[in-house]
Amino acid sequence: MADPETPANQGPVTISSSSSERAPIIYFDGASCFGHHNGAIQIELAANLLLPVGAAVRVDVVQTAHLRCSVAAALALREALDKALAMYKLGQQQPTPEEIPAVKN
């Protein structure tokens, strides 16, 4: 029996370009809850909604997506997130500025 935590190497995958313009963009501020059911990973994504109330602001949390996937897909998503975060950290590293001498020769 195949290990559900190890995705099978199926070779290169081609993603149809005709589907990309119809794919939703999901924004979220966090995962409000998570779990699993019958082998499917379940994650609820949520975003903060700012609502004016007189001179104040009320923050409501609203669900933006119900993420469901297999264990293999969850591992692939985690790997993609880890790699994206590593790319972000690499871009945040600023090179040490070179000091400009007060007197030039």
PDB file of N, CA and C in Angstrom:
ATOM      1  N   MET A   1       0.831  -1.173   0.000  1.00  0.00           N
ATOM      2  CA  MET A   1       0.000   0.000   0.000  1.00  0.00           C
ATOM      3  C   MET A   1       0.879   1.241   0.000  1.00  0.00           C
ATOM      4  N   ALA A   2       0.545   2.225  -0.785  1.00  0.00           N
ATOM      5  CA  ALA A   2       1.344   3.441  -0.903  1.00  0.00           C
ATOM      6  C   ALA A   2       1.216   4.285   0.364  1.00  0.00           C
ATOM      7  N   ASP A   3       2.306   4.935   0.742  1.00  0.00           N
ATOM      8  CA  ASP A   3       2.318   5.824   1.895  1.00  0.00           C
ATOM      9  C   ASP A   3       1.613   7.124   1.523  1.00  0.00           C
ATOM     10  N   PRO A   4       0.515   7.510   2.217  1.00  0.00           N
ATOM     11  CA  PRO A   4      -0.210   8.724   1.844  1.00  0.00           C
ATOM     12  C   PRO A   4       0.581   9.995   2.092  1.00  0.00           C
ATOM     13  N   GLU A   5       1.659   9.916   2.908  1.00  0.00           N
ATOM     14  CA  GLU A   5       2.458  11.101   3.186  1.00  0.00           C
ATOM     15  C   GLU A   5       3.589  11.290   2.182  1.00  0.00           C
ATOM     16  N   THR A   6       3.763  10.353   1.261  1.00  0.00           N
ATOM     17  CA  THR A   6       4.788  10.467   0.239  1.00  0.00           C
ATOM     18  C   THR A   6       4.115  10.511  -1.127  1.00  0.00           C
ATOM     19  N   PRO A   7       4.083  11.708  -1.749  1.00  0.00           N
ATOM     20  CA  PRO A   7       3.437  11.787  -3.052  1.00  0.00           C
ATOM     21  C   PRO A   7       4.169  10.940  -4.085  1.00  0.00           C
ATOM     22  N   ALA A   8       3.410  10.258  -4.932  1.00  0.00           N
ATOM     23  CA  ALA A   8       4.005   9.441  -5.983  1.00  0.00           C
ATOM     24  C   ALA A   8       4.608  10.348  -7.048  1.00  0.00           C
ATOM     25  N   ASN A   9       5.803  10.022  -7.506  1.00  0.00           N
ATOM     26  CA  ASN A   9       6.443  10.813  -8.558  1.00  0.00           C
ATOM     27  C   ASN A   9       5.758  10.488  -9.870  1.00  0.00           C
ATOM     28  N   GLN A  10       4.983  11.416 -10.361  1.00  0.00           N
ATOM     29  CA  GLN A  10       4.217  11.194 -11.579  1.00  0.00           C
ATOM     30  C   GLN A  10       4.854  11.875 -12.785  1.00  0.00           C
ATOM     31  N   GLY A  11       6.069  12.352 -12.630  1.00  0.00           N
ATOM     32  CA  GLY A  11       6.734  13.023 -13.728  1.00  0.00           C
ATOM     33  C   GLY A  11       6.291  14.469 -13.835  1.00  0.00           C
ATOM     34  N   PRO A  12       6.727  15.156 -14.883  1.00  0.00           N
ATOM     35  CA  PRO A  12       6.377  16.572 -15.034  1.00  0.00           C
ATOM     36  C   PRO A  12       4.869  16.758 -15.229  1.00  0.00           C
ATOM     37  N   VAL A  13       4.350  17.798 -14.636  1.00  0.00           N
ATOM     38  CA  VAL A  13       2.925  18.105 -14.728  1.00  0.00           C
ATOM     39  C   VAL A  13       2.760  19.366 -15.557  1.00  0.00           C
ATOM     40  N   THR A  14       1.831  19.356 -16.474  1.00  0.00           N
ATOM     41  CA  THR A  14       1.522  20.539 -17.267  1.00  0.00           C
ATOM     42  C   THR A  14       0.191  21.092 -16.796  1.00  0.00           C
ATOM     43  N   ILE A  15       0.194  22.371 -16.412  1.00  0.00           N
ATOM     44  CA  ILE A  15      -1.026  23.016 -15.960  1.00  0.00           C
ATOM     45  C   ILE A  15      -1.614  23.793 -17.126  1.00  0.00           C
ATOM     46  N   SER A  16      -2.879  23.579 -17.384  1.00  0.00           N
ATOM     47  CA  SER A  16      -3.548  24.241 -18.489  1.00  0.00           C
ATOM     48  C   SER A  16      -3.599  25.740 -18.258  1.00  0.00           C
ATOM     49  N   SER A  17      -3.185  26.508 -19.244  1.00  0.00           N
ATOM     50  CA  SER A  17      -3.220  27.966 -19.120  1.00  0.00           C
ATOM     51  C   SER A  17      -4.636  28.506 -19.233  1.00  0.00           C
ATOM     52  N   SER A  18      -5.560  27.709 -19.743  1.00  0.00           N
ATOM     53  CA  SER A  18      -6.932  28.188 -19.909  1.00  0.00           C
ATOM     54  C   SER A  18      -7.676  28.281 -18.581  1.00  0.00           C
ATOM     55  N   SER A  19      -7.147  27.669 -17.533  1.00  0.00           N
ATOM     56  CA  SER A  19      -7.839  27.703 -16.249  1.00  0.00           C
ATOM     57  C   SER A  19      -7.375  28.845 -15.351  1.00  0.00           C
ATOM     58  N   SER A  20      -6.257  29.462 -15.645  1.00  0.00           N
ATOM     59  CA  SER A  20      -5.670  30.419 -14.708  1.00  0.00           C
ATOM     60  C   SER A  20      -6.502  31.683 -14.526  1.00  0.00           C
ATOM     61  N   GLU A  21      -7.150  32.163 -15.557  1.00  0.00           N
ATOM     62  CA  GLU A  21      -7.914  33.407 -15.410  1.00  0.00           C
ATOM     63  C   GLU A  21      -9.213  33.202 -14.628  1.00  0.00           C
ATOM     64  N   ARG A  22      -9.649  31.983 -14.466  1.00  0.00           N
ATOM     65  CA  ARG A  22     -10.872  31.713 -13.712  1.00  0.00           C
ATOM     66  C   ARG A  22     -10.602  31.294 -12.271  1.00  0.00           C
ATOM     67  N   ALA A  23      -9.342  31.087 -11.924  1.00  0.00           N
ATOM     68  CA  ALA A  23      -9.012  30.656 -10.570  1.00  0.00           C
ATOM     69  C   ALA A  23      -9.179  31.825  -9.595  1.00  0.00           C
ATOM     70  N   PRO A  24      -9.822  31.584  -8.456  1.00  0.00           N
ATOM     71  CA  PRO A  24     -10.018  32.688  -7.498  1.00  0.00           C
ATOM     72  C   PRO A  24      -8.718  33.056  -6.795  1.00  0.00           C
ATOM     73  N   ILE A  25      -8.620  34.295  -6.384  1.00  0.00           N
ATOM     74  CA  ILE A  25      -7.522  34.748  -5.534  1.00  0.00           C
ATOM     75  C   ILE A  25      -8.082  34.772  -4.122  1.00  0.00           C
ATOM     76  N   ILE A  26      -7.460  34.045  -3.232  1.00  0.00           N
ATOM     77  CA  ILE A  26      -7.949  33.941  -1.861  1.00  0.00           C
ATOM     78  C   ILE A  26      -6.980  34.684  -0.951  1.00  0.00           C
ATOM     79  N   TYR A  27      -7.503  35.696  -0.268  1.00  0.00           N
ATOM     80  CA  TYR A  27      -6.704  36.430   0.711  1.00  0.00           C
ATOM     81  C   TYR A  27      -7.135  35.991   2.096  1.00  0.00           C
ATOM     82  N   PHE A  28      -6.182  35.850   3.013  1.00  0.00           N
ATOM     83  CA  PHE A  28      -6.528  35.512   4.389  1.00  0.00           C
ATOM     84  C   PHE A  28      -5.480  36.067   5.331  1.00  0.00           C
ATOM     85  N   ASP A  29      -5.915  36.346   6.556  1.00  0.00           N
ATOM     86  CA  ASP A  29      -5.029  36.841   7.604  1.00  0.00           C
ATOM     87  C   ASP A  29      -4.558  35.719   8.522  1.00  0.00           C
ATOM     88  N   GLY A  30      -5.224  34.584   8.457  1.00  0.00           N
ATOM     89  CA  GLY A  30      -4.828  33.478   9.307  1.00  0.00           C
ATOM     90  C   GLY A  30      -5.722  32.274   9.095  1.00  0.00           C
ATOM     91  N   ALA A  31      -5.371  31.206   9.772  1.00  0.00           N
ATOM     92  CA  ALA A  31      -6.184  29.986   9.754  1.00  0.00           C
ATOM     93  C   ALA A  31      -6.966  29.964  11.066  1.00  0.00           C
ATOM     94  N   SER A  32      -8.295  30.037  10.967  1.00  0.00           N
ATOM     95  CA  SER A  32      -9.112  30.125  12.173  1.00  0.00           C
ATOM     96  C   SER A  32      -9.236  28.781  12.880  1.00  0.00           C
ATOM     97  N   CYS A  33      -9.211  27.693  12.145  1.00  0.00           N
ATOM     98  CA  CYS A  33      -9.236  26.365  12.758  1.00  0.00           C
ATOM     99  C   CYS A  33      -8.831  25.323  11.717  1.00  0.00           C
ATOM    100  N   PHE A  34      -8.542  24.143  12.196  1.00  0.00           N
ATOM    101  CA  PHE A  34      -8.091  23.079  11.297  1.00  0.00           C
ATOM    102  C   PHE A  34      -8.407  21.722  11.904  1.00  0.00           C
ATOM    103  N   GLY A  35      -8.352  20.703  11.067  1.00  0.00           N
ATOM    104  CA  GLY A  35      -8.594  19.348  11.534  1.00  0.00           C
ATOM    105  C   GLY A  35      -8.487  18.378  10.373  1.00  0.00           C
ATOM    106  N   HIS A  36      -9.067  17.183  10.551  1.00  0.00           N
ATOM    107  CA  HIS A  36      -9.087  16.201   9.473  1.00  0.00           C
ATOM    108  C   HIS A  36     -10.340  15.358   9.623  1.00  0.00           C
ATOM    109  N   HIS A  37     -10.805  14.822   8.523  1.00  0.00           N
ATOM    110  CA  HIS A  37     -12.004  13.987   8.532  1.00  0.00           C
ATOM    111  C   HIS A  37     -11.924  13.008   7.366  1.00  0.00           C
ATOM    112  N   ASN A  38     -12.022  11.727   7.664  1.00  0.00           N
ATOM    113  CA  ASN A  38     -11.972  10.673   6.644  1.00  0.00           C
ATOM    114  C   ASN A  38     -10.769  10.806   5.716  1.00  0.00           C
ATOM    115  N   GLY A  39      -9.619  11.145   6.271  1.00  0.00           N
ATOM    116  CA  GLY A  39      -8.390  11.229   5.494  1.00  0.00           C
ATOM    117  C   GLY A  39      -8.170  12.546   4.777  1.00  0.00           C
ATOM    118  N   ALA A  40      -9.109  13.481   4.894  1.00  0.00           N
ATOM    119  CA  ALA A  40      -8.959  14.788   4.238  1.00  0.00           C
ATOM    120  C   ALA A  40      -8.529  15.821   5.271  1.00  0.00           C
ATOM    121  N   ILE A  41      -7.539  16.598   4.919  1.00  0.00           N
ATOM    122  CA  ILE A  41      -7.091  17.710   5.755  1.00  0.00           C
ATOM    123  C   ILE A  41      -8.099  18.843   5.577  1.00  0.00           C
ATOM    124  N   GLN A  42      -8.481  19.487   6.689  1.00  0.00           N
ATOM    125  CA  GLN A  42      -9.448  20.577   6.657  1.00  0.00           C
ATOM    126  C   GLN A  42      -8.836  21.800   7.324  1.00  0.00           C
ATOM    127  N   ILE A  43      -8.816  22.921   6.614  1.00  0.00           N
ATOM    128  CA  ILE A  43      -8.298  24.173   7.164  1.00  0.00           C
ATOM    129  C   ILE A  43      -9.264  25.284   6.777  1.00  0.00           C
ATOM    130  N   GLU A  44      -9.672  26.068   7.768  1.00  0.00           N
ATOM    131  CA  GLU A  44     -10.543  27.206   7.509  1.00  0.00           C
ATOM    132  C   GLU A  44      -9.693  28.466   7.499  1.00  0.00           C
ATOM    133  N   LEU A  45      -9.738  29.222   6.411  1.00  0.00           N
ATOM    134  CA  LEU A  45      -8.984  30.462   6.282  1.00  0.00           C
ATOM    135  C   LEU A  45      -9.902  31.631   6.600  1.00  0.00           C
ATOM    136  N   ALA A  46      -9.354  32.637   7.284  1.00  0.00           N
ATOM    137  CA  ALA A  46     -10.167  33.766   7.716  1.00  0.00           C
ATOM    138  C   ALA A  46      -9.426  35.076   7.492  1.00  0.00           C
ATOM    139  N   ALA A  47     -10.201  36.155   7.372  1.00  0.00           N
ATOM    140  CA  ALA A  47      -9.643  37.495   7.196  1.00  0.00           C
ATOM    141  C   ALA A  47     -10.333  38.449   8.159  1.00  0.00           C
ATOM    142  N   ASN A  48      -9.609  39.478   8.558  1.00  0.00           N
ATOM    143  CA  ASN A  48     -10.170  40.519   9.410  1.00  0.00           C
ATOM    144  C   ASN A  48     -10.963  41.492   8.552  1.00  0.00           C
ATOM    145  N   LEU A  49     -12.125  41.870   9.030  1.00  0.00           N
ATOM    146  CA  LEU A  49     -12.982  42.830   8.338  1.00  0.00           C
ATOM    147  C   LEU A  49     -13.146  44.025   9.273  1.00  0.00           C
ATOM    148  N   LEU A  50     -12.721  45.203   8.829  1.00  0.00           N
ATOM    149  CA  LEU A  50     -12.812  46.411   9.645  1.00  0.00           C
ATOM    150  C   LEU A  50     -14.129  47.111   9.356  1.00  0.00           C
ATOM    151  N   LEU A  51     -14.892  47.380  10.419  1.00  0.00           N
ATOM    152  CA  LEU A  51     -16.190  48.021  10.270  1.00  0.00           C
ATOM    153  C   LEU A  51     -16.241  49.268  11.139  1.00  0.00           C
ATOM    154  N   PRO A  52     -16.566  50.427  10.543  1.00  0.00           N
ATOM    155  CA  PRO A  52     -16.666  51.642  11.364  1.00  0.00           C
ATOM    156  C   PRO A  52     -17.905  51.589  12.253  1.00  0.00           C
ATOM    157  N   VAL A  53     -17.708  51.952  13.511  1.00  0.00           N
ATOM    158  CA  VAL A  53     -18.806  52.028  14.467  1.00  0.00           C
ATOM    159  C   VAL A  53     -18.654  53.371  15.177  1.00  0.00           C
ATOM    160  N   GLY A  54     -19.360  54.385  14.681  1.00  0.00           N
ATOM    161  CA  GLY A  54     -19.185  55.729  15.227  1.00  0.00           C
ATOM    162  C   GLY A  54     -17.768  56.204  14.980  1.00  0.00           C
ATOM    163  N   ALA A  55     -17.088  56.616  16.060  1.00  0.00           N
ATOM    164  CA  ALA A  55     -15.704  57.072  15.937  1.00  0.00           C
ATOM    165  C   ALA A  55     -14.716  55.915  16.103  1.00  0.00           C
ATOM    166  N   ALA A  56     -15.228  54.727  16.379  1.00  0.00           N
ATOM    167  CA  ALA A  56     -14.366  53.568  16.605  1.00  0.00           C
ATOM    168  C   ALA A  56     -14.402  52.626  15.410  1.00  0.00           C
ATOM    169  N   VAL A  57     -13.633  51.568  15.502  1.00  0.00           N
ATOM    170  CA  VAL A  57     -13.595  50.540  14.466  1.00  0.00           C
ATOM    171  C   VAL A  57     -13.789  49.180  15.136  1.00  0.00           C
ATOM    172  N   ARG A  58     -14.689  48.388  14.587  1.00  0.00           N
ATOM    173  CA  ARG A  58     -14.907  47.027  15.073  1.00  0.00           C
ATOM    174  C   ARG A  58     -14.238  46.067  14.097  1.00  0.00           C
ATOM    175  N   VAL A  59     -13.603  45.044  14.642  1.00  0.00           N
ATOM    176  CA  VAL A  59     -12.953  44.040  13.803  1.00  0.00           C
ATOM    177  C   VAL A  59     -13.773  42.755  13.857  1.00  0.00           C
ATOM    178  N   ASP A  60     -14.289  42.348  12.718  1.00  0.00           N
ATOM    179  CA  ASP A  60     -14.969  41.063  12.591  1.00  0.00           C
ATOM    180  C   ASP A  60     -14.051  40.111  11.848  1.00  0.00           C
ATOM    181  N   VAL A  61     -14.104  38.851  12.201  1.00  0.00           N
ATOM    182  CA  VAL A  61     -13.340  37.823  11.491  1.00  0.00           C
ATOM    183  C   VAL A  61     -14.325  37.048  10.631  1.00  0.00           C
ATOM    184  N   VAL A  62     -14.033  36.973   9.319  1.00  0.00           N
ATOM    185  CA  VAL A  62     -14.915  36.267   8.388  1.00  0.00           C
ATOM    186  C   VAL A  62     -14.143  35.151   7.695  1.00  0.00           C
ATOM    187  N   GLN A  63     -14.819  34.044   7.431  1.00  0.00           N
ATOM    188  CA  GLN A  63     -14.201  32.940   6.694  1.00  0.00           C
ATOM    189  C   GLN A  63     -14.055  33.360   5.233  1.00  0.00           C
ATOM    190  N   THR A  64     -12.875  33.125   4.665  1.00  0.00           N
ATOM    191  CA  THR A  64     -12.666  33.431   3.248  1.00  0.00           C
ATOM    192  C   THR A  64     -12.531  32.173   2.397  1.00  0.00           C
ATOM    193  N   ALA A  65     -12.216  31.030   3.033  1.00  0.00           N
ATOM    194  CA  ALA A  65     -12.085  29.789   2.260  1.00  0.00           C
ATOM    195  C   ALA A  65     -12.143  28.587   3.183  1.00  0.00           C
ATOM    196  N   HIS A  66     -12.621  27.493   2.640  1.00  0.00           N
ATOM    197  CA  HIS A  66     -12.635  26.197   3.318  1.00  0.00           C
ATOM    198  C   HIS A  66     -11.695  25.298   2.517  1.00  0.00           C
ATOM    199  N   LEU A  67     -10.490  25.123   3.005  1.00  0.00           N
ATOM    200  CA  LEU A  67      -9.469  24.360   2.285  1.00  0.00           C
ATOM    201  C   LEU A  67      -9.587  22.885   2.647  1.00  0.00           C
ATOM    202  N   ARG A  68      -9.728  22.034   1.645  1.00  0.00           N
ATOM    203  CA  ARG A  68      -9.796  20.588   1.829  1.00  0.00           C
ATOM    204  C   ARG A  68      -8.800  19.947   0.873  1.00  0.00           C
ATOM    205  N   CYS A  69      -8.007  18.993   1.371  1.00  0.00           N
ATOM    206  CA  CYS A  69      -7.034  18.339   0.497  1.00  0.00           C
ATOM    207  C   CYS A  69      -6.578  17.023   1.114  1.00  0.00           C
ATOM    208  N   SER A  70      -5.890  16.240   0.304  1.00  0.00           N
ATOM    209  CA  SER A  70      -5.301  14.991   0.784  1.00  0.00           C
ATOM    210  C   SER A  70      -4.047  15.304   1.596  1.00  0.00           C
ATOM    211  N   VAL A  71      -3.536  14.314   2.300  1.00  0.00           N
ATOM    212  CA  VAL A  71      -2.298  14.486   3.054  1.00  0.00           C
ATOM    213  C   VAL A  71      -1.147  14.833   2.100  1.00  0.00           C
ATOM    214  N   ALA A  72      -1.078  14.166   0.956  1.00  0.00           N
ATOM    215  CA  ALA A  72      -0.015  14.446  -0.017  1.00  0.00           C
ATOM    216  C   ALA A  72      -0.103  15.886  -0.518  1.00  0.00           C
ATOM    217  N   ALA A  73      -1.316  16.367  -0.778  1.00  0.00           N
ATOM    218  CA  ALA A  73      -1.481  17.748  -1.242  1.00  0.00           C
ATOM    219  C   ALA A  73      -1.110  18.736  -0.136  1.00  0.00           C
ATOM    220  N   ALA A  74      -1.442  18.408   1.126  1.00  0.00           N
ATOM    221  CA  ALA A  74      -1.077  19.278   2.247  1.00  0.00           C
ATOM    222  C   ALA A  74       0.438  19.364   2.389  1.00  0.00           C
ATOM    223  N   LEU A  75       1.126  18.240   2.201  1.00  0.00           N
ATOM    224  CA  LEU A  75       2.590  18.246   2.257  1.00  0.00           C
ATOM    225  C   LEU A  75       3.180  19.078   1.122  1.00  0.00           C
ATOM    226  N   ALA A  76       2.593  18.977  -0.066  1.00  0.00           N
ATOM    227  CA  ALA A  76       3.065  19.774  -1.204  1.00  0.00           C
ATOM    228  C   ALA A  76       2.827  21.261  -0.949  1.00  0.00           C
ATOM    229  N   LEU A  77       1.688  21.606  -0.348  1.00  0.00           N
ATOM    230  CA  LEU A  77       1.396  23.002  -0.015  1.00  0.00           C
ATOM    231  C   LEU A  77       2.378  23.514   1.031  1.00  0.00           C
ATOM    232  N   ARG A  78       2.652  22.694   2.054  1.00  0.00           N
ATOM    233  CA  ARG A  78       3.616  23.102   3.077  1.00  0.00           C
ATOM    234  C   ARG A  78       4.997  23.328   2.469  1.00  0.00           C
ATOM    235  N   GLU A  79       5.406  22.445   1.564  1.00  0.00           N
ATOM    236  CA  GLU A  79       6.704  22.621   0.900  1.00  0.00           C
ATOM    237  C   GLU A  79       6.733  23.912   0.094  1.00  0.00           C
ATOM    238  N   ALA A  80       5.653  24.208  -0.637  1.00  0.00           N
ATOM    239  CA  ALA A  80       5.591  25.438  -1.427  1.00  0.00           C
ATOM    240  C   ALA A  80       5.641  26.666  -0.516  1.00  0.00           C
ATOM    241  N   LEU A  81       4.934  26.624   0.612  1.00  0.00           N
ATOM    242  CA  LEU A  81       4.954  27.747   1.556  1.00  0.00           C
ATOM    243  C   LEU A  81       6.342  27.924   2.158  1.00  0.00           C
ATOM    244  N   ASP A  82       6.996  26.820   2.533  1.00  0.00           N
ATOM    245  CA  ASP A  82       8.353  26.899   3.082  1.00  0.00           C
ATOM    246  C   ASP A  82       9.316  27.524   2.077  1.00  0.00           C
ATOM    247  N   LYS A  83       9.202  27.120   0.826  1.00  0.00           N
ATOM    248  CA  LYS A  83      10.090  27.663  -0.211  1.00  0.00           C
ATOM    249  C   LYS A  83       9.790  29.135  -0.487  1.00  0.00           C
ATOM    250  N   ALA A  84       8.507  29.518  -0.492  1.00  0.00           N
ATOM    251  CA  ALA A  84       8.144  30.920  -0.703  1.00  0.00           C
ATOM    252  C   ALA A  84       8.648  31.787   0.448  1.00  0.00           C
ATOM    253  N   LEU A  85       8.547  31.285   1.691  1.00  0.00           N
ATOM    254  CA  LEU A  85       9.053  32.030   2.839  1.00  0.00           C
ATOM    255  C   LEU A  85      10.571  32.162   2.793  1.00  0.00           C
ATOM    256  N   ALA A  86      11.257  31.118   2.332  1.00  0.00           N
ATOM    257  CA  ALA A  86      12.716  31.189   2.187  1.00  0.00           C
ATOM    258  C   ALA A  86      13.093  32.231   1.139  1.00  0.00           C
ATOM    259  N   MET A  87      12.340  32.293   0.051  1.00  0.00           N
ATOM    260  CA  MET A  87      12.599  33.314  -0.975  1.00  0.00           C
ATOM    261  C   MET A  87      12.374  34.710  -0.404  1.00  0.00           C
ATOM    262  N   TYR A  88      11.315  34.867   0.386  1.00  0.00           N
ATOM    263  CA  TYR A  88      11.011  36.160   1.007  1.00  0.00           C
ATOM    264  C   TYR A  88      12.152  36.589   1.926  1.00  0.00           C
ATOM    265  N   LYS A  89      12.626  35.656   2.781  1.00  0.00           N
ATOM    266  CA  LYS A  89      13.716  35.977   3.701  1.00  0.00           C
ATOM    267  C   LYS A  89      14.979  36.361   2.946  1.00  0.00           C
ATOM    268  N   LEU A  90      15.248  35.678   1.852  1.00  0.00           N
ATOM    269  CA  LEU A  90      16.423  35.983   1.052  1.00  0.00           C
ATOM    270  C   LEU A  90      16.336  37.398   0.487  1.00  0.00           C
ATOM    271  N   GLY A  91      15.157  37.802   0.061  1.00  0.00           N
ATOM    272  CA  GLY A  91      14.955  39.147  -0.470  1.00  0.00           C
ATOM    273  C   GLY A  91      15.024  40.223   0.591  1.00  0.00           C
ATOM    274  N   GLN A  92      14.783  39.864   1.864  1.00  0.00           N
ATOM    275  CA  GLN A  92      14.821  40.826   2.958  1.00  0.00           C
ATOM    276  C   GLN A  92      16.235  41.101   3.447  1.00  0.00           C
ATOM    277  N   GLN A  93      17.159  40.221   3.113  1.00  0.00           N
ATOM    278  CA  GLN A  93      18.543  40.408   3.556  1.00  0.00           C
ATOM    279  C   GLN A  93      19.173  41.522   2.736  1.00  0.00           C
ATOM    280  N   GLN A  94      19.496  42.600   3.405  1.00  0.00           N
ATOM    281  CA  GLN A  94      20.110  43.742   2.728  1.00  0.00           C
ATOM    282  C   GLN A  94      21.627  43.613   2.819  1.00  0.00           C
ATOM    283  N   PRO A  95      22.325  43.822   1.717  1.00  0.00           N
ATOM    284  CA  PRO A  95      23.784  43.786   1.800  1.00  0.00           C
ATOM    285  C   PRO A  95      24.279  44.946   2.661  1.00  0.00           C
ATOM    286  N   THR A  96      25.365  44.703   3.371  1.00  0.00           N
ATOM    287  CA  THR A  96      25.946  45.757   4.198  1.00  0.00           C
ATOM    288  C   THR A  96      26.429  46.879   3.297  1.00  0.00           C
ATOM    289  N   PRO A  97      25.959  48.111   3.544  1.00  0.00           N
ATOM    290  CA  PRO A  97      26.395  49.207   2.676  1.00  0.00           C
ATOM    291  C   PRO A  97      27.896  49.453   2.815  1.00  0.00           C
ATOM    292  N   GLU A  98      28.513  49.732   1.687  1.00  0.00           N
ATOM    293  CA  GLU A  98      29.951  49.986   1.670  1.00  0.00           C
ATOM    294  C   GLU A  98      30.185  51.401   2.184  1.00  0.00           C
ATOM    295  N   GLU A  99      31.125  51.529   3.114  1.00  0.00           N
ATOM    296  CA  GLU A  99      31.424  52.845   3.664  1.00  0.00           C
ATOM    297  C   GLU A  99      32.174  53.672   2.629  1.00  0.00           C
ATOM    298  N   ILE A 100      31.785  54.931   2.551  1.00  0.00           N
ATOM    299  CA  ILE A 100      32.447  55.852   1.635  1.00  0.00           C
ATOM    300  C   ILE A 100      33.530  56.582   2.439  1.00  0.00           C
ATOM    301  N   PRO A 101      34.775  56.460   2.016  1.00  0.00           N
ATOM    302  CA  PRO A 101      35.846  57.116   2.776  1.00  0.00           C
ATOM    303  C   PRO A 101      35.700  58.652   2.759  1.00  0.00           C
ATOM    304  N   ALA A 102      36.076  59.268   3.868  1.00  0.00           N
ATOM    305  CA  ALA A 102      35.993  60.728   3.962  1.00  0.00           C
ATOM    306  C   ALA A 102      36.995  61.385   3.018  1.00  0.00           C
ATOM    307  N   VAL A 103      38.147  60.750   2.834  1.00  0.00           N
ATOM    308  CA  VAL A 103      39.185  61.315   1.965  1.00  0.00           C
ATOM    309  C   VAL A 103      39.423  60.327   0.831  1.00  0.00           C
ATOM    310  N   LYS A 104      39.372  60.837  -0.385  1.00  0.00           N
ATOM    311  CA  LYS A 104      39.647  59.973  -1.530  1.00  0.00           C
ATOM    312  C   LYS A 104      41.043  60.241  -2.040  1.00  0.00           C
ATOM    313  N   ASN A 105      41.713  59.200  -2.474  1.00  0.00           N
ATOM    314  CA  ASN A 105      43.075  59.358  -3.006  1.00  0.00           C
ATOM    315  C   ASN A 105      43.036  59.715  -4.450  1.00  0.00           C
TER     316      ASN A 105
END
